[in-house]
């Protein structure tokens, strides 16, 4: 599992704070092992999936599942709620 978590790290600098760099791991985020603010996730999501996100969490969780970053059953409970919202 550790190998899986090290696969997809993204380095992010925000336009508002060019000195602020962080690394983002979407698999760890989906599993609930780390949390990121929307302003950190949005550029990573756009880079990874090549689109703009208006409903960030809802659309990003769905895109990550479709891309098979993690199996749906491994998505943390908090983010799994977005999958239920998309079904309605």
PDB file of N, CA and C in Angstrom:
ATOM      1  N   UNK A   1       0.824  -1.195   0.000  1.00  0.00           N
ATOM      2  CA  UNK A   1       0.000   0.000   0.000  1.00  0.00           C
ATOM      3  C   UNK A   1       0.869   1.261   0.000  1.00  0.00           C
ATOM      4  N   UNK A   2       2.000   1.238   0.690  1.00  0.00           N
ATOM      5  CA  UNK A   2       2.881   2.401   0.709  1.00  0.00           C
ATOM      6  C   UNK A   2       3.355   2.736  -0.695  1.00  0.00           C
ATOM      7  N   UNK A   3       3.644   1.711  -1.487  1.00  0.00           N
ATOM      8  CA  UNK A   3       4.060   1.936  -2.861  1.00  0.00           C
ATOM      9  C   UNK A   3       2.963   2.671  -3.625  1.00  0.00           C
ATOM     10  N   UNK A   4       1.710   2.249  -3.440  1.00  0.00           N
ATOM     11  CA  UNK A   4       0.577   2.902  -4.091  1.00  0.00           C
ATOM     12  C   UNK A   4       0.497   4.369  -3.711  1.00  0.00           C
ATOM     13  N   UNK A   5       0.699   4.675  -2.446  1.00  0.00           N
ATOM     14  CA  UNK A   5       0.562   6.050  -1.973  1.00  0.00           C
ATOM     15  C   UNK A   5       1.657   6.954  -2.518  1.00  0.00           C
ATOM     16  N   UNK A   6       2.753   6.392  -2.921  1.00  0.00           N
ATOM     17  CA  UNK A   6       3.855   7.202  -3.442  1.00  0.00           C
ATOM     18  C   UNK A   6       3.786   7.418  -4.947  1.00  0.00           C
ATOM     19  N   UNK A   7       2.805   6.841  -5.613  1.00  0.00           N
ATOM     20  CA  UNK A   7       2.737   6.912  -7.069  1.00  0.00           C
ATOM     21  C   UNK A   7       2.401   8.288  -7.622  1.00  0.00           C
ATOM     22  N   UNK A   8       1.431   8.953  -7.079  1.00  0.00           N
ATOM     23  CA  UNK A   8       0.911  10.172  -7.691  1.00  0.00           C
ATOM     24  C   UNK A   8       1.046  11.381  -6.768  1.00  0.00           C
ATOM     25  N   UNK A   9       2.226  11.915  -6.673  1.00  0.00           N
ATOM     26  CA  UNK A   9       2.448  13.152  -5.915  1.00  0.00           C
ATOM     27  C   UNK A   9       2.530  14.297  -6.910  1.00  0.00           C
ATOM     28  N   UNK A  10       1.908  15.399  -6.585  1.00  0.00           N
ATOM     29  CA  UNK A  10       1.936  16.594  -7.418  1.00  0.00           C
ATOM     30  C   UNK A  10       2.482  17.739  -6.595  1.00  0.00           C
ATOM     31  N   UNK A  11       3.359  18.532  -7.174  1.00  0.00           N
ATOM     32  CA  UNK A  11       3.887  19.722  -6.505  1.00  0.00           C
ATOM     33  C   UNK A  11       3.023  20.906  -6.910  1.00  0.00           C
ATOM     34  N   UNK A  12       2.600  21.691  -5.933  1.00  0.00           N
ATOM     35  CA  UNK A  12       1.668  22.788  -6.187  1.00  0.00           C
ATOM     36  C   UNK A  12       2.225  24.088  -5.640  1.00  0.00           C
ATOM     37  N   UNK A  13       2.176  25.120  -6.438  1.00  0.00           N
ATOM     38  CA  UNK A  13       2.408  26.490  -5.984  1.00  0.00           C
ATOM     39  C   UNK A  13       1.136  27.254  -6.297  1.00  0.00           C
ATOM     40  N   UNK A  14       0.638  28.009  -5.357  1.00  0.00           N
ATOM     41  CA  UNK A  14      -0.576  28.766  -5.629  1.00  0.00           C
ATOM     42  C   UNK A  14      -0.214  30.147  -6.139  1.00  0.00           C
ATOM     43  N   UNK A  15      -1.070  30.684  -6.990  1.00  0.00           N
ATOM     44  CA  UNK A  15      -0.822  32.017  -7.556  1.00  0.00           C
ATOM     45  C   UNK A  15      -0.836  33.081  -6.470  1.00  0.00           C
ATOM     46  N   UNK A  16      -1.661  32.889  -5.443  1.00  0.00           N
ATOM     47  CA  UNK A  16      -1.766  33.874  -4.368  1.00  0.00           C
ATOM     48  C   UNK A  16      -0.527  33.897  -3.485  1.00  0.00           C
ATOM     49  N   UNK A  17       0.171  32.795  -3.424  1.00  0.00           N
ATOM     50  CA  UNK A  17       1.340  32.703  -2.557  1.00  0.00           C
ATOM     51  C   UNK A  17       2.417  31.876  -3.261  1.00  0.00           C
ATOM     52  N   UNK A  18       3.166  32.495  -4.172  1.00  0.00           N
ATOM     53  CA  UNK A  18       4.139  31.749  -4.966  1.00  0.00           C
ATOM     54  C   UNK A  18       5.233  31.068  -4.147  1.00  0.00           C
ATOM     55  N   UNK A  19       5.440  31.497  -2.919  1.00  0.00           N
ATOM     56  CA  UNK A  19       6.447  30.870  -2.070  1.00  0.00           C
ATOM     57  C   UNK A  19       5.941  29.621  -1.385  1.00  0.00           C
ATOM     58  N   UNK A  20       4.642  29.368  -1.496  1.00  0.00           N
ATOM     59  CA  UNK A  20       4.035  28.228  -0.824  1.00  0.00           C
ATOM     60  C   UNK A  20       4.029  27.031  -1.767  1.00  0.00           C
ATOM     61  N   UNK A  21       4.786  26.026  -1.445  1.00  0.00           N
ATOM     62  CA  UNK A  21       4.805  24.781  -2.219  1.00  0.00           C
ATOM     63  C   UNK A  21       4.330  23.655  -1.319  1.00  0.00           C
ATOM     64  N   UNK A  22       3.573  22.766  -1.884  1.00  0.00           N
ATOM     65  CA  UNK A  22       3.173  21.576  -1.154  1.00  0.00           C
ATOM     66  C   UNK A  22       3.070  20.436  -2.141  1.00  0.00           C
ATOM     67  N   UNK A  23       3.134  19.245  -1.644  1.00  0.00           N
ATOM     68  CA  UNK A  23       2.945  18.073  -2.478  1.00  0.00           C
ATOM     69  C   UNK A  23       1.591  17.484  -2.158  1.00  0.00           C
ATOM     70  N   UNK A  24       0.886  17.056  -3.188  1.00  0.00           N
ATOM     71  CA  UNK A  24      -0.476  16.547  -3.038  1.00  0.00           C
ATOM     72  C   UNK A  24      -0.516  15.115  -3.541  1.00  0.00           C
ATOM     73  N   UNK A  25      -1.109  14.244  -2.747  1.00  0.00           N
ATOM     74  CA  UNK A  25      -1.272  12.845  -3.127  1.00  0.00           C
ATOM     75  C   UNK A  25      -2.768  12.545  -3.154  1.00  0.00           C
ATOM     76  N   UNK A  26      -3.315  12.389  -4.360  1.00  0.00           N
ATOM     77  CA  UNK A  26      -4.758  12.179  -4.499  1.00  0.00           C
ATOM     78  C   UNK A  26      -5.210  10.849  -3.905  1.00  0.00           C
ATOM     79  N   UNK A  27      -4.388   9.810  -4.014  1.00  0.00           N
ATOM     80  CA  UNK A  27      -4.773   8.520  -3.432  1.00  0.00           C
ATOM     81  C   UNK A  27      -4.898   8.612  -1.916  1.00  0.00           C
ATOM     82  N   UNK A  28      -3.929   9.246  -1.279  1.00  0.00           N
ATOM     83  CA  UNK A  28      -3.976   9.402   0.171  1.00  0.00           C
ATOM     84  C   UNK A  28      -5.174  10.259   0.571  1.00  0.00           C
ATOM     85  N   UNK A  29      -5.475  11.299  -0.209  1.00  0.00           N
ATOM     86  CA  UNK A  29      -6.633  12.158   0.054  1.00  0.00           C
ATOM     87  C   UNK A  29      -7.926  11.353  -0.039  1.00  0.00           C
ATOM     88  N   UNK A  30      -8.053  10.531  -1.087  1.00  0.00           N
ATOM     89  CA  UNK A  30      -9.258   9.722  -1.260  1.00  0.00           C
ATOM     90  C   UNK A  30      -9.446   8.738  -0.114  1.00  0.00           C
ATOM     91  N   UNK A  31      -8.348   8.234   0.399  1.00  0.00           N
ATOM     92  CA  UNK A  31      -8.429   7.267   1.509  1.00  0.00           C
ATOM     93  C   UNK A  31      -8.603   7.954   2.866  1.00  0.00           C
ATOM     94  N   UNK A  32      -8.572   9.271   2.887  1.00  0.00           N
ATOM     95  CA  UNK A  32      -8.754  10.007   4.140  1.00  0.00           C
ATOM     96  C   UNK A  32      -7.507  10.093   4.990  1.00  0.00           C
ATOM     97  N   UNK A  33      -6.354   9.798   4.408  1.00  0.00           N
ATOM     98  CA  UNK A  33      -5.104   9.828   5.161  1.00  0.00           C
ATOM     99  C   UNK A  33      -4.537  11.231   5.282  1.00  0.00           C
ATOM    100  N   UNK A  34      -4.910  12.113   4.363  1.00  0.00           N
ATOM    101  CA  UNK A  34      -4.483  13.510   4.387  1.00  0.00           C
ATOM    102  C   UNK A  34      -5.667  14.377   3.993  1.00  0.00           C
ATOM    103  N   UNK A  35      -5.619  15.639   4.369  1.00  0.00           N
ATOM    104  CA  UNK A  35      -6.660  16.593   3.986  1.00  0.00           C
ATOM    105  C   UNK A  35      -5.986  17.767   3.299  1.00  0.00           C
ATOM    106  N   UNK A  36      -6.660  18.308   2.291  1.00  0.00           N
ATOM    107  CA  UNK A  36      -6.152  19.466   1.564  1.00  0.00           C
ATOM    108  C   UNK A  36      -7.255  20.507   1.434  1.00  0.00           C
ATOM    109  N   UNK A  37      -6.868  21.752   1.461  1.00  0.00           N
ATOM    110  CA  UNK A  37      -7.803  22.845   1.222  1.00  0.00           C
ATOM    111  C   UNK A  37      -8.141  22.884  -0.274  1.00  0.00           C
ATOM    112  N   UNK A  38      -9.344  23.376  -0.620  1.00  0.00           N
ATOM    113  CA  UNK A  38      -9.742  23.430  -2.033  1.00  0.00           C
ATOM    114  C   UNK A  38      -8.752  24.171  -2.929  1.00  0.00           C
ATOM    115  N   UNK A  39      -8.151  25.263  -2.426  1.00  0.00           N
ATOM    116  CA  UNK A  39      -7.221  26.021  -3.267  1.00  0.00           C
ATOM    117  C   UNK A  39      -5.952  25.230  -3.582  1.00  0.00           C
ATOM    118  N   UNK A  40      -5.688  24.186  -2.823  1.00  0.00           N
ATOM    119  CA  UNK A  40      -4.548  23.318  -3.096  1.00  0.00           C
ATOM    120  C   UNK A  40      -4.965  22.191  -4.053  1.00  0.00           C
ATOM    121  N   UNK A  41      -6.156  21.647  -3.855  1.00  0.00           N
ATOM    122  CA  UNK A  41      -6.630  20.551  -4.702  1.00  0.00           C
ATOM    123  C   UNK A  41      -6.972  20.984  -6.124  1.00  0.00           C
ATOM    124  N   UNK A  42      -7.561  22.157  -6.257  1.00  0.00           N
ATOM    125  CA  UNK A  42      -8.071  22.587  -7.569  1.00  0.00           C
ATOM    126  C   UNK A  42      -7.011  22.567  -8.675  1.00  0.00           C
ATOM    127  N   UNK A  43      -5.810  23.162  -8.477  1.00  0.00           N
ATOM    128  CA  UNK A  43      -4.821  23.118  -9.562  1.00  0.00           C
ATOM    129  C   UNK A  43      -4.322  21.705  -9.856  1.00  0.00           C
ATOM    130  N   UNK A  44      -4.244  20.872  -8.836  1.00  0.00           N
ATOM    131  CA  UNK A  44      -3.826  19.486  -9.045  1.00  0.00           C
ATOM    132  C   UNK A  44      -4.875  18.752  -9.877  1.00  0.00           C
ATOM    133  N   UNK A  45      -6.137  18.952  -9.523  1.00  0.00           N
ATOM    134  CA  UNK A  45      -7.237  18.307 -10.253  1.00  0.00           C
ATOM    135  C   UNK A  45      -7.242  18.758 -11.706  1.00  0.00           C
ATOM    136  N   UNK A  46      -7.067  20.048 -11.920  1.00  0.00           N
ATOM    137  CA  UNK A  46      -7.060  20.581 -13.292  1.00  0.00           C
ATOM    138  C   UNK A  46      -5.892  20.023 -14.098  1.00  0.00           C
ATOM    139  N   UNK A  47      -4.731  19.930 -13.463  1.00  0.00           N
ATOM    140  CA  UNK A  47      -3.553  19.386 -14.147  1.00  0.00           C
ATOM    141  C   UNK A  47      -3.749  17.903 -14.468  1.00  0.00           C
ATOM    142  N   UNK A  48      -4.246  17.171 -13.502  1.00  0.00           N
ATOM    143  CA  UNK A  48      -4.385  15.713 -13.655  1.00  0.00           C
ATOM    144  C   UNK A  48      -5.452  15.341 -14.675  1.00  0.00           C
ATOM    145  N   UNK A  49      -6.596  16.053 -14.639  1.00  0.00           N
ATOM    146  CA  UNK A  49      -7.727  15.656 -15.472  1.00  0.00           C
ATOM    147  C   UNK A  49      -8.018  16.632 -16.615  1.00  0.00           C
ATOM    148  N   UNK A  50      -7.277  17.732 -16.689  1.00  0.00           N
ATOM    149  CA  UNK A  50      -7.384  18.644 -17.820  1.00  0.00           C
ATOM    150  C   UNK A  50      -8.713  19.360 -17.947  1.00  0.00           C
ATOM    151  N   UNK A  51      -9.319  19.726 -16.821  1.00  0.00           N
ATOM    152  CA  UNK A  51     -10.574  20.470 -16.879  1.00  0.00           C
ATOM    153  C   UNK A  51     -10.715  21.378 -15.669  1.00  0.00           C
ATOM    154  N   UNK A  52     -11.646  22.339 -15.765  1.00  0.00           N
ATOM    155  CA  UNK A  52     -11.938  23.232 -14.634  1.00  0.00           C
ATOM    156  C   UNK A  52     -12.963  22.570 -13.735  1.00  0.00           C
ATOM    157  N   UNK A  53     -12.805  22.772 -12.450  1.00  0.00           N
ATOM    158  CA  UNK A  53     -13.724  22.184 -11.475  1.00  0.00           C
ATOM    159  C   UNK A  53     -14.525  23.282 -10.794  1.00  0.00           C
ATOM    160  N   UNK A  54     -15.842  23.202 -10.913  1.00  0.00           N
ATOM    161  CA  UNK A  54     -16.706  24.129 -10.179  1.00  0.00           C
ATOM    162  C   UNK A  54     -17.202  23.459  -8.901  1.00  0.00           C
ATOM    163  N   UNK A  55     -17.625  22.209  -9.004  1.00  0.00           N
ATOM    164  CA  UNK A  55     -18.001  21.421  -7.818  1.00  0.00           C
ATOM    165  C   UNK A  55     -16.820  20.500  -7.529  1.00  0.00           C
ATOM    166  N   UNK A  56     -15.810  21.057  -6.895  1.00  0.00           N
ATOM    167  CA  UNK A  56     -14.513  20.399  -6.779  1.00  0.00           C
ATOM    168  C   UNK A  56     -14.602  18.999  -6.186  1.00  0.00           C
ATOM    169  N   UNK A  57     -15.083  18.876  -4.953  1.00  0.00           N
ATOM    170  CA  UNK A  57     -15.050  17.580  -4.288  1.00  0.00           C
ATOM    171  C   UNK A  57     -15.911  16.558  -5.015  1.00  0.00           C
ATOM    172  N   UNK A  58     -17.112  16.922  -5.370  1.00  0.00           N
ATOM    173  CA  UNK A  58     -18.015  16.007  -6.058  1.00  0.00           C
ATOM    174  C   UNK A  58     -17.382  15.497  -7.354  1.00  0.00           C
ATOM    175  N   UNK A  59     -16.982  16.407  -8.217  1.00  0.00           N
ATOM    176  CA  UNK A  59     -16.442  16.017  -9.522  1.00  0.00           C
ATOM    177  C   UNK A  59     -15.077  15.341  -9.424  1.00  0.00           C
ATOM    178  N   UNK A  60     -14.247  15.802  -8.508  1.00  0.00           N
ATOM    179  CA  UNK A  60     -12.915  15.213  -8.379  1.00  0.00           C
ATOM    180  C   UNK A  60     -12.989  13.784  -7.857  1.00  0.00           C
ATOM    181  N   UNK A  61     -13.820  13.535  -6.876  1.00  0.00           N
ATOM    182  CA  UNK A  61     -13.967  12.166  -6.367  1.00  0.00           C
ATOM    183  C   UNK A  61     -14.431  11.248  -7.494  1.00  0.00           C
ATOM    184  N   UNK A  62     -15.411  11.690  -8.259  1.00  0.00           N
ATOM    185  CA  UNK A  62     -15.928  10.879  -9.368  1.00  0.00           C
ATOM    186  C   UNK A  62     -14.836  10.638 -10.411  1.00  0.00           C
ATOM    187  N   UNK A  63     -14.100  11.685 -10.778  1.00  0.00           N
ATOM    188  CA  UNK A  63     -13.032  11.531 -11.772  1.00  0.00           C
ATOM    189  C   UNK A  63     -11.935  10.585 -11.277  1.00  0.00           C
ATOM    190  N   UNK A  64     -11.589  10.675 -10.011  1.00  0.00           N
ATOM    191  CA  UNK A  64     -10.555   9.795  -9.451  1.00  0.00           C
ATOM    192  C   UNK A  64     -11.009   8.331  -9.463  1.00  0.00           C
ATOM    193  N   UNK A  65     -12.269   8.095  -9.155  1.00  0.00           N
ATOM    194  CA  UNK A  65     -12.799   6.731  -9.176  1.00  0.00           C
ATOM    195  C   UNK A  65     -12.793   6.207 -10.613  1.00  0.00           C
ATOM    196  N   UNK A  66     -13.259   7.038 -11.554  1.00  0.00           N
ATOM    197  CA  UNK A  66     -13.269   6.618 -12.968  1.00  0.00           C
ATOM    198  C   UNK A  66     -11.860   6.318 -13.467  1.00  0.00           C
ATOM    199  N   UNK A  67     -10.865   7.079 -12.980  1.00  0.00           N
ATOM    200  CA  UNK A  67      -9.473   6.871 -13.382  1.00  0.00           C
ATOM    201  C   UNK A  67      -8.815   5.721 -12.606  1.00  0.00           C
ATOM    202  N   UNK A  68      -9.578   5.125 -11.700  1.00  0.00           N
ATOM    203  CA  UNK A  68      -9.122   3.979 -10.900  1.00  0.00           C
ATOM    204  C   UNK A  68      -7.889   4.293 -10.062  1.00  0.00           C
ATOM    205  N   UNK A  69      -7.870   5.515  -9.492  1.00  0.00           N
ATOM    206  CA  UNK A  69      -6.759   5.853  -8.590  1.00  0.00           C
ATOM    207  C   UNK A  69      -6.821   5.005  -7.337  1.00  0.00           C
ATOM    208  N   UNK A  70      -8.029   4.773  -6.834  1.00  0.00           N
ATOM    209  CA  UNK A  70      -8.259   3.829  -5.735  1.00  0.00           C
ATOM    210  C   UNK A  70      -9.598   3.152  -6.001  1.00  0.00           C
ATOM    211  N   UNK A  71      -9.774   1.929  -5.492  1.00  0.00           N
ATOM    212  CA  UNK A  71     -11.078   1.283  -5.627  1.00  0.00           C
ATOM    213  C   UNK A  71     -12.132   2.059  -4.825  1.00  0.00           C
ATOM    214  N   UNK A  72     -13.334   2.075  -5.310  1.00  0.00           N
ATOM    215  CA  UNK A  72     -14.415   2.837  -4.659  1.00  0.00           C
ATOM    216  C   UNK A  72     -14.576   2.465  -3.184  1.00  0.00           C
ATOM    217  N   UNK A  73     -14.411   1.201  -2.852  1.00  0.00           N
ATOM    218  CA  UNK A  73     -14.584   0.771  -1.461  1.00  0.00           C
ATOM    219  C   UNK A  73     -13.485   1.279  -0.535  1.00  0.00           C
ATOM    220  N   UNK A  74     -12.387   1.795  -1.089  1.00  0.00           N
ATOM    221  CA  UNK A  74     -11.309   2.343  -0.264  1.00  0.00           C
ATOM    222  C   UNK A  74     -11.416   3.857  -0.062  1.00  0.00           C
ATOM    223  N   UNK A  75     -12.404   4.480  -0.681  1.00  0.00           N
ATOM    224  CA  UNK A  75     -12.610   5.922  -0.488  1.00  0.00           C
ATOM    225  C   UNK A  75     -13.124   6.134   0.930  1.00  0.00           C
ATOM    226  N   UNK A  76     -12.566   7.116   1.627  1.00  0.00           N
ATOM    227  CA  UNK A  76     -12.952   7.371   3.015  1.00  0.00           C
ATOM    228  C   UNK A  76     -14.434   7.744   3.096  1.00  0.00           C
ATOM    229  N   UNK A  77     -14.993   7.551   4.255  1.00  0.00           N
ATOM    230  CA  UNK A  77     -16.421   7.778   4.468  1.00  0.00           C
ATOM    231  C   UNK A  77     -16.840   9.206   4.127  1.00  0.00           C
ATOM    232  N   UNK A  78     -16.016  10.170   4.523  1.00  0.00           N
ATOM    233  CA  UNK A  78     -16.334  11.579   4.263  1.00  0.00           C
ATOM    234  C   UNK A  78     -16.484  11.860   2.769  1.00  0.00           C
ATOM    235  N   UNK A  79     -15.560  11.364   1.966  1.00  0.00           N
ATOM    236  CA  UNK A  79     -15.606  11.603   0.522  1.00  0.00           C
ATOM    237  C   UNK A  79     -16.572  10.656  -0.184  1.00  0.00           C
ATOM    238  N   UNK A  80     -16.825   9.497   0.397  1.00  0.00           N
ATOM    239  CA  UNK A  80     -17.774   8.563  -0.195  1.00  0.00           C
ATOM    240  C   UNK A  80     -19.175   9.179  -0.261  1.00  0.00           C
ATOM    241  N   UNK A  81     -19.453  10.107   0.636  1.00  0.00           N
ATOM    242  CA  UNK A  81     -20.736  10.806   0.622  1.00  0.00           C
ATOM    243  C   UNK A  81     -20.971  11.533  -0.689  1.00  0.00           C
ATOM    244  N   UNK A  82     -19.916  11.989  -1.329  1.00  0.00           N
ATOM    245  CA  UNK A  82     -20.058  12.672  -2.621  1.00  0.00           C
ATOM    246  C   UNK A  82     -20.492  11.694  -3.715  1.00  0.00           C
ATOM    247  N   UNK A  83     -20.099  10.438  -3.586  1.00  0.00           N
ATOM    248  CA  UNK A  83     -20.523   9.439  -4.566  1.00  0.00           C
ATOM    249  C   UNK A  83     -22.030   9.216  -4.480  1.00  0.00           C
ATOM    250  N   UNK A  84     -22.566   9.242  -3.254  1.00  0.00           N
ATOM    251  CA  UNK A  84     -24.006   9.078  -3.075  1.00  0.00           C
ATOM    252  C   UNK A  84     -24.751  10.282  -3.637  1.00  0.00           C
ATOM    253  N   UNK A  85     -24.188  11.479  -3.452  1.00  0.00           N
ATOM    254  CA  UNK A  85     -24.813  12.695  -3.991  1.00  0.00           C
ATOM    255  C   UNK A  85     -24.864  12.641  -5.509  1.00  0.00           C
ATOM    256  N   UNK A  86     -23.840  12.082  -6.128  1.00  0.00           N
ATOM    257  CA  UNK A  86     -23.812  12.050  -7.594  1.00  0.00           C
ATOM    258  C   UNK A  86     -24.824  11.062  -8.149  1.00  0.00           C
ATOM    259  N   UNK A  87     -25.214  10.086  -7.352  1.00  0.00           N
ATOM    260  CA  UNK A  87     -26.175   9.075  -7.806  1.00  0.00           C
ATOM    261  C   UNK A  87     -27.610   9.627  -7.796  1.00  0.00           C
ATOM    262  N   UNK A  88     -27.832  10.711  -7.050  1.00  0.00           N
ATOM    263  CA  UNK A  88     -29.200  11.246  -6.957  1.00  0.00           C
ATOM    264  C   UNK A  88     -29.485  12.267  -8.018  1.00  0.00           C
TER     265      UNK A  88
END
